[in-house]
């Protein structure tokens, strides 16, 4: 896959962090600007956008240190992931199969989520330097 093709595929998606620790690492990488976190009901989002939802086993946008092999199959359709874990990624990229316990890092929706506020359960304004702390389940 050419870099331009990868960038086009990444830029055609909306990304959601699934792990507060990873979200905070991203916040730290973006400097000390204040930010806003929108907590989303992912079950409702997946129910509404299921056929457009994919998950990734990696931070697909970070390729600086020891980048993981990437390709179109890095984005595993959610329903396929539920059925067979990371098998399609492994087969397509020729990489070792990730354990079933390897949780998704990102949840993505192809194109857009124009009605995202329908899924937002909380909006948290974070002052510069303050980490996000998850209070929900």
N, C-alpha and C. Protein backbone atom coordinates (compact mmCIF):
# COMPACT_ATOMS: atom_id res chain seq x y z
N UNK A 1 0.84 -1.17 0.00
CA UNK A 1 0.00 0.00 0.00
C UNK A 1 0.89 1.24 0.00
N UNK A 2 0.60 2.15 -0.88
CA UNK A 2 1.36 3.40 -0.95
C UNK A 2 0.93 4.32 0.20
N UNK A 3 1.87 5.15 0.67
CA UNK A 3 1.51 6.07 1.76
C UNK A 3 0.27 6.90 1.46
N UNK A 4 0.13 7.39 0.24
CA UNK A 4 -1.04 8.22 -0.10
C UNK A 4 -2.33 7.42 0.06
N UNK A 5 -2.30 6.13 -0.27
CA UNK A 5 -3.49 5.29 -0.11
C UNK A 5 -3.82 5.11 1.37
N UNK A 6 -2.78 4.91 2.19
CA UNK A 6 -2.97 4.77 3.63
C UNK A 6 -3.58 6.05 4.21
N UNK A 7 -3.01 7.20 3.84
CA UNK A 7 -3.52 8.47 4.36
C UNK A 7 -4.98 8.69 3.96
N UNK A 8 -5.32 8.33 2.74
CA UNK A 8 -6.71 8.49 2.28
C UNK A 8 -7.64 7.60 3.10
N UNK A 9 -7.21 6.37 3.38
CA UNK A 9 -8.04 5.44 4.15
C UNK A 9 -8.21 5.95 5.59
N UNK A 10 -7.13 6.44 6.18
CA UNK A 10 -7.20 6.96 7.55
C UNK A 10 -8.07 8.21 7.60
N UNK A 11 -7.90 9.10 6.64
CA UNK A 11 -8.65 10.35 6.64
C UNK A 11 -10.13 10.18 6.29
N UNK A 12 -10.52 8.99 5.86
CA UNK A 12 -11.92 8.71 5.54
C UNK A 12 -12.67 8.15 6.74
N UNK A 13 -12.06 8.20 7.93
CA UNK A 13 -12.65 7.60 9.12
C UNK A 13 -12.74 8.60 10.28
N UNK A 14 -13.69 8.32 11.16
CA UNK A 14 -13.79 9.01 12.45
C UNK A 14 -13.23 8.03 13.47
N UNK A 15 -12.36 8.52 14.36
CA UNK A 15 -11.67 7.66 15.33
C UNK A 15 -12.16 7.90 16.74
N UNK A 16 -12.29 6.81 17.50
CA UNK A 16 -12.67 6.86 18.90
C UNK A 16 -11.66 6.04 19.69
N UNK A 17 -11.08 6.66 20.73
CA UNK A 17 -10.20 5.92 21.63
C UNK A 17 -11.06 5.03 22.51
N UNK A 18 -10.58 3.84 22.80
CA UNK A 18 -11.31 2.91 23.66
C UNK A 18 -10.67 2.79 25.05
N UNK A 19 -9.48 3.34 25.22
CA UNK A 19 -8.74 3.20 26.47
C UNK A 19 -8.34 4.58 26.98
N UNK A 20 -8.80 4.95 28.19
CA UNK A 20 -8.46 6.28 28.72
C UNK A 20 -6.94 6.54 28.82
N UNK A 21 -6.14 5.51 29.10
CA UNK A 21 -4.69 5.71 29.16
C UNK A 21 -4.13 6.13 27.82
N UNK A 22 -4.60 5.51 26.76
CA UNK A 22 -4.15 5.89 25.41
C UNK A 22 -4.63 7.30 25.05
N UNK A 23 -5.85 7.61 25.44
CA UNK A 23 -6.37 8.96 25.21
C UNK A 23 -5.46 9.98 25.90
N UNK A 24 -5.06 9.69 27.12
CA UNK A 24 -4.20 10.63 27.84
C UNK A 24 -2.81 10.72 27.23
N UNK A 25 -2.29 9.64 26.68
CA UNK A 25 -0.99 9.73 25.99
C UNK A 25 -1.12 10.62 24.75
N UNK A 26 -2.23 10.50 24.05
CA UNK A 26 -2.46 11.35 22.88
C UNK A 26 -2.58 12.81 23.31
N UNK A 27 -3.29 13.05 24.39
CA UNK A 27 -3.41 14.43 24.92
C UNK A 27 -2.03 15.00 25.21
N UNK A 28 -1.19 14.22 25.88
CA UNK A 28 0.16 14.68 26.23
C UNK A 28 0.97 14.98 24.97
N UNK A 29 0.80 14.19 23.94
CA UNK A 29 1.54 14.39 22.69
C UNK A 29 1.10 15.67 21.97
N UNK A 30 -0.10 16.13 22.27
CA UNK A 30 -0.64 17.33 21.61
C UNK A 30 -0.30 18.62 22.35
N UNK A 31 0.53 18.53 23.36
CA UNK A 31 0.92 19.73 24.08
C UNK A 31 -0.02 20.05 25.22
N UNK A 32 0.10 21.27 25.71
CA UNK A 32 -0.62 21.64 26.93
C UNK A 32 -1.87 22.49 26.66
N UNK A 33 -2.44 22.36 25.50
CA UNK A 33 -3.66 23.09 25.20
C UNK A 33 -4.86 22.46 25.92
N UNK A 34 -5.84 23.26 26.34
CA UNK A 34 -7.05 22.67 26.91
C UNK A 34 -7.77 21.86 25.83
N UNK A 35 -8.45 20.82 26.25
CA UNK A 35 -9.15 19.97 25.29
C UNK A 35 -10.50 19.56 25.85
N UNK A 36 -11.32 18.97 25.00
CA UNK A 36 -12.64 18.49 25.39
C UNK A 36 -12.74 17.02 25.02
N UNK A 37 -13.22 16.22 25.96
CA UNK A 37 -13.44 14.80 25.70
C UNK A 37 -14.95 14.58 25.65
N UNK A 38 -15.40 13.91 24.60
CA UNK A 38 -16.80 13.51 24.51
C UNK A 38 -16.86 12.01 24.75
N UNK A 39 -17.50 11.61 25.83
CA UNK A 39 -17.68 10.20 26.14
C UNK A 39 -18.91 9.71 25.37
N UNK A 40 -18.73 8.59 24.66
CA UNK A 40 -19.76 8.10 23.74
C UNK A 40 -20.23 6.72 24.18
N UNK A 41 -21.53 6.48 24.05
CA UNK A 41 -22.09 5.15 24.30
C UNK A 41 -21.76 4.30 23.07
N UNK A 42 -20.68 3.53 23.17
CA UNK A 42 -20.21 2.78 22.00
C UNK A 42 -21.18 1.68 21.58
N UNK A 43 -21.90 1.10 22.52
CA UNK A 43 -22.87 0.06 22.14
C UNK A 43 -23.94 0.64 21.22
N UNK A 44 -24.45 1.82 21.55
CA UNK A 44 -25.45 2.47 20.70
C UNK A 44 -24.85 2.90 19.37
N UNK A 45 -23.61 3.39 19.40
CA UNK A 45 -22.93 3.79 18.17
C UNK A 45 -22.77 2.60 17.24
N UNK A 46 -22.30 1.48 17.78
CA UNK A 46 -22.12 0.28 16.96
C UNK A 46 -23.46 -0.22 16.45
N UNK A 47 -24.50 -0.17 17.26
CA UNK A 47 -25.82 -0.61 16.81
C UNK A 47 -26.31 0.24 15.63
N UNK A 48 -26.03 1.52 15.67
CA UNK A 48 -26.50 2.42 14.61
C UNK A 48 -25.63 2.39 13.36
N UNK A 49 -24.31 2.22 13.53
CA UNK A 49 -23.37 2.33 12.41
C UNK A 49 -22.64 1.02 12.13
N UNK A 50 -23.13 -0.08 12.65
CA UNK A 50 -22.43 -1.35 12.63
C UNK A 50 -21.70 -1.71 11.36
N UNK A 51 -22.33 -1.57 10.22
CA UNK A 51 -21.66 -1.99 8.98
C UNK A 51 -20.54 -1.05 8.56
N UNK A 52 -20.45 0.10 9.21
CA UNK A 52 -19.39 1.07 8.92
C UNK A 52 -18.31 1.09 10.00
N UNK A 53 -18.47 0.24 11.02
CA UNK A 53 -17.56 0.25 12.17
C UNK A 53 -16.46 -0.79 11.98
N UNK A 54 -15.24 -0.38 12.30
CA UNK A 54 -14.10 -1.30 12.30
C UNK A 54 -13.28 -1.00 13.56
N UNK A 55 -12.49 -1.98 13.96
CA UNK A 55 -11.59 -1.80 15.09
C UNK A 55 -10.17 -2.07 14.63
N UNK A 56 -9.22 -1.51 15.38
CA UNK A 56 -7.81 -1.72 15.07
C UNK A 56 -7.09 -2.25 16.30
N UNK A 57 -6.06 -3.05 16.10
CA UNK A 57 -5.28 -3.55 17.22
C UNK A 57 -4.14 -2.61 17.62
N UNK A 58 -3.97 -1.51 16.87
CA UNK A 58 -2.86 -0.59 17.08
C UNK A 58 -3.36 0.85 16.98
N UNK A 59 -2.51 1.77 17.40
CA UNK A 59 -2.75 3.19 17.12
C UNK A 59 -2.36 3.38 15.66
N UNK A 60 -3.33 3.38 14.79
CA UNK A 60 -3.05 3.38 13.35
C UNK A 60 -2.38 4.65 12.86
N UNK A 61 -2.49 5.72 13.61
CA UNK A 61 -1.89 6.98 13.18
C UNK A 61 -0.47 7.19 13.63
N UNK A 62 0.06 6.33 14.47
CA UNK A 62 1.42 6.51 14.99
C UNK A 62 2.36 5.50 14.35
N UNK A 63 3.28 6.00 13.55
CA UNK A 63 4.25 5.11 12.89
C UNK A 63 5.67 5.60 13.11
N UNK A 64 5.91 6.22 14.25
CA UNK A 64 7.23 6.79 14.50
C UNK A 64 8.24 5.78 15.03
N UNK A 65 7.93 5.10 16.12
CA UNK A 65 8.87 4.15 16.72
C UNK A 65 8.37 2.74 16.47
N UNK A 66 9.23 1.93 15.90
CA UNK A 66 8.90 0.52 15.63
C UNK A 66 7.47 0.38 15.10
N UNK A 67 7.18 0.95 13.96
CA UNK A 67 5.80 0.91 13.46
C UNK A 67 5.35 -0.52 13.14
N UNK A 68 4.14 -0.81 13.54
CA UNK A 68 3.53 -2.10 13.20
C UNK A 68 3.21 -2.10 11.71
N UNK A 69 3.26 -3.27 11.11
CA UNK A 69 2.87 -3.41 9.71
C UNK A 69 1.41 -3.00 9.56
N UNK A 70 1.11 -2.23 8.52
CA UNK A 70 -0.24 -1.72 8.31
C UNK A 70 -0.71 -2.04 6.91
N UNK A 71 -2.01 -2.10 6.77
CA UNK A 71 -2.64 -2.28 5.48
C UNK A 71 -4.13 -2.12 5.64
N UNK A 72 -4.85 -2.33 4.56
CA UNK A 72 -6.31 -2.18 4.61
C UNK A 72 -6.93 -3.05 5.70
N UNK A 73 -6.35 -4.23 5.94
CA UNK A 73 -6.92 -5.14 6.93
C UNK A 73 -6.55 -4.78 8.37
N UNK A 74 -5.79 -3.69 8.57
CA UNK A 74 -5.57 -3.19 9.92
C UNK A 74 -6.92 -2.80 10.52
N UNK A 75 -7.84 -2.35 9.67
CA UNK A 75 -9.19 -1.98 10.08
C UNK A 75 -10.08 -3.20 9.91
N UNK A 76 -10.32 -3.90 11.00
CA UNK A 76 -11.11 -5.14 10.96
C UNK A 76 -12.57 -4.78 11.21
N UNK A 77 -13.46 -5.12 10.27
CA UNK A 77 -14.88 -4.85 10.51
C UNK A 77 -15.32 -5.43 11.86
N UNK A 78 -16.09 -4.64 12.59
CA UNK A 78 -16.45 -5.03 13.95
C UNK A 78 -17.11 -6.41 14.00
N UNK A 79 -18.05 -6.67 13.12
CA UNK A 79 -18.73 -7.97 13.15
C UNK A 79 -17.76 -9.12 12.87
N UNK A 80 -16.78 -8.89 12.01
CA UNK A 80 -15.77 -9.92 11.75
C UNK A 80 -14.89 -10.12 12.99
N UNK A 81 -14.53 -9.01 13.65
CA UNK A 81 -13.71 -9.11 14.85
C UNK A 81 -14.44 -9.89 15.95
N UNK A 82 -15.74 -9.66 16.09
CA UNK A 82 -16.52 -10.40 17.09
C UNK A 82 -16.48 -11.89 16.80
N UNK A 83 -16.55 -12.26 15.51
CA UNK A 83 -16.56 -13.68 15.11
C UNK A 83 -15.18 -14.33 15.20
N UNK A 84 -14.14 -13.62 14.72
CA UNK A 84 -12.86 -14.31 14.55
C UNK A 84 -11.65 -13.52 15.04
N UNK A 85 -11.87 -12.54 15.88
CA UNK A 85 -10.75 -11.79 16.43
C UNK A 85 -9.93 -11.12 15.34
N UNK A 86 -8.62 -11.24 15.46
CA UNK A 86 -7.69 -10.55 14.56
C UNK A 86 -7.24 -11.44 13.40
N UNK A 87 -7.95 -12.54 13.14
CA UNK A 87 -7.52 -13.49 12.10
C UNK A 87 -7.41 -12.83 10.72
N UNK A 88 -8.37 -12.00 10.34
CA UNK A 88 -8.33 -11.40 8.99
C UNK A 88 -7.13 -10.46 8.86
N UNK A 89 -6.78 -9.75 9.92
CA UNK A 89 -5.60 -8.87 9.89
C UNK A 89 -4.34 -9.72 9.70
N UNK A 90 -4.22 -10.77 10.49
CA UNK A 90 -3.05 -11.65 10.44
C UNK A 90 -2.89 -12.28 9.06
N UNK A 91 -3.97 -12.80 8.52
CA UNK A 91 -3.93 -13.46 7.20
C UNK A 91 -3.54 -12.48 6.10
N UNK A 92 -4.14 -11.30 6.11
CA UNK A 92 -3.89 -10.33 5.04
C UNK A 92 -2.49 -9.73 5.10
N UNK A 93 -1.98 -9.51 6.31
CA UNK A 93 -0.68 -8.85 6.45
C UNK A 93 0.47 -9.84 6.64
N UNK A 94 0.14 -11.13 6.84
CA UNK A 94 1.18 -12.12 7.04
C UNK A 94 1.90 -11.95 8.38
N UNK A 95 1.16 -11.50 9.37
CA UNK A 95 1.73 -11.28 10.70
C UNK A 95 1.22 -12.36 11.65
N UNK A 96 1.91 -12.56 12.77
CA UNK A 96 1.41 -13.54 13.75
C UNK A 96 0.02 -13.15 14.24
N UNK A 97 -0.79 -14.16 14.50
CA UNK A 97 -2.15 -13.92 14.99
C UNK A 97 -2.10 -13.36 16.40
N UNK A 98 -2.77 -12.24 16.59
CA UNK A 98 -2.86 -11.65 17.93
C UNK A 98 -3.80 -12.50 18.78
N UNK A 99 -3.52 -12.54 20.08
CA UNK A 99 -4.38 -13.30 20.98
C UNK A 99 -5.78 -12.72 20.99
N UNK A 100 -6.76 -13.57 21.22
CA UNK A 100 -8.16 -13.13 21.30
C UNK A 100 -8.33 -12.08 22.41
N UNK A 101 -7.50 -12.15 23.43
CA UNK A 101 -7.59 -11.21 24.55
C UNK A 101 -7.02 -9.83 24.20
N UNK A 102 -6.38 -9.69 23.02
CA UNK A 102 -5.83 -8.39 22.61
C UNK A 102 -7.01 -7.49 22.26
N UNK A 103 -7.26 -6.52 23.11
CA UNK A 103 -8.41 -5.64 22.93
C UNK A 103 -8.17 -4.62 21.82
N UNK A 104 -9.23 -4.19 21.16
CA UNK A 104 -9.07 -3.13 20.16
C UNK A 104 -8.55 -1.85 20.79
N UNK A 105 -7.73 -1.13 20.03
CA UNK A 105 -7.18 0.14 20.46
C UNK A 105 -8.07 1.28 19.99
N UNK A 106 -8.52 1.19 18.75
CA UNK A 106 -9.36 2.24 18.17
C UNK A 106 -10.65 1.62 17.65
N UNK A 107 -11.70 2.40 17.72
CA UNK A 107 -12.94 2.07 17.04
C UNK A 107 -13.11 3.15 15.99
N UNK A 108 -13.36 2.75 14.75
CA UNK A 108 -13.49 3.74 13.68
C UNK A 108 -14.83 3.58 12.98
N UNK A 109 -15.28 4.69 12.42
CA UNK A 109 -16.49 4.68 11.60
C UNK A 109 -16.11 5.30 10.26
N UNK A 110 -16.38 4.57 9.19
CA UNK A 110 -16.07 5.08 7.86
C UNK A 110 -16.99 6.24 7.54
N UNK A 111 -16.42 7.27 6.98
CA UNK A 111 -17.09 8.46 6.50
C UNK A 111 -17.32 9.47 7.60
N UNK A 112 -18.45 9.42 8.29
CA UNK A 112 -18.77 10.45 9.28
C UNK A 112 -19.81 9.92 10.26
N UNK A 113 -19.95 10.64 11.36
CA UNK A 113 -21.01 10.37 12.33
C UNK A 113 -21.72 11.71 12.55
N UNK A 114 -22.57 12.10 11.59
CA UNK A 114 -23.18 13.43 11.66
C UNK A 114 -24.10 13.62 12.86
N UNK A 115 -24.60 12.53 13.42
CA UNK A 115 -25.49 12.61 14.57
C UNK A 115 -24.79 12.16 15.85
N UNK A 116 -23.49 12.42 15.95
CA UNK A 116 -22.69 11.94 17.07
C UNK A 116 -23.27 12.35 18.43
N UNK A 117 -23.90 13.50 18.50
CA UNK A 117 -24.42 13.95 19.79
C UNK A 117 -25.51 13.02 20.33
N UNK A 118 -26.09 12.24 19.46
CA UNK A 118 -27.09 11.24 19.90
C UNK A 118 -26.45 10.17 20.77
N UNK A 119 -25.13 10.00 20.65
CA UNK A 119 -24.41 8.94 21.36
C UNK A 119 -23.56 9.48 22.51
N UNK A 120 -23.43 10.79 22.60
CA UNK A 120 -22.60 11.40 23.64
C UNK A 120 -23.32 11.32 24.98
N UNK A 121 -22.62 10.76 25.97
CA UNK A 121 -23.18 10.63 27.32
C UNK A 121 -22.57 11.62 28.29
N UNK A 122 -21.45 12.22 27.92
CA UNK A 122 -20.82 13.22 28.78
C UNK A 122 -19.85 14.04 27.95
N UNK A 123 -19.69 15.30 28.30
CA UNK A 123 -18.72 16.19 27.69
C UNK A 123 -17.88 16.75 28.83
N UNK A 124 -16.58 16.51 28.75
CA UNK A 124 -15.68 16.88 29.83
C UNK A 124 -14.65 17.87 29.30
N UNK A 125 -14.69 19.09 29.82
CA UNK A 125 -13.70 20.10 29.46
C UNK A 125 -12.48 19.88 30.35
N UNK A 126 -11.33 19.71 29.73
CA UNK A 126 -10.10 19.46 30.47
C UNK A 126 -9.16 20.65 30.34
N UNK A 127 -8.82 21.27 31.45
CA UNK A 127 -7.85 22.37 31.39
C UNK A 127 -6.50 21.85 30.90
N UNK A 128 -5.67 22.74 30.46
CA UNK A 128 -4.33 22.37 29.99
C UNK A 128 -3.62 21.50 31.03
N UNK A 129 -3.07 20.38 30.57
CA UNK A 129 -2.30 19.50 31.43
C UNK A 129 -3.08 18.54 32.31
N UNK A 130 -4.39 18.68 32.38
CA UNK A 130 -5.19 17.80 33.24
C UNK A 130 -5.58 16.54 32.46
N UNK A 131 -5.30 15.36 33.02
CA UNK A 131 -5.68 14.14 32.30
C UNK A 131 -7.17 13.82 32.42
N UNK A 132 -7.63 13.05 31.49
CA UNK A 132 -9.00 12.54 31.53
C UNK A 132 -9.05 11.38 32.50
N UNK A 133 -10.06 11.37 33.35
CA UNK A 133 -10.26 10.26 34.29
C UNK A 133 -11.64 9.69 34.00
N UNK A 134 -11.66 8.40 33.68
CA UNK A 134 -12.91 7.72 33.36
C UNK A 134 -13.67 7.40 34.64
N UNK A 135 -14.92 7.86 34.71
CA UNK A 135 -15.75 7.60 35.89
C UNK A 135 -16.85 6.60 35.58
N UNK A 136 -17.01 6.23 34.31
CA UNK A 136 -18.10 5.35 33.93
C UNK A 136 -17.64 3.93 33.71
N UNK A 137 -18.57 3.09 33.29
CA UNK A 137 -18.23 1.70 33.05
C UNK A 137 -18.27 1.34 31.62
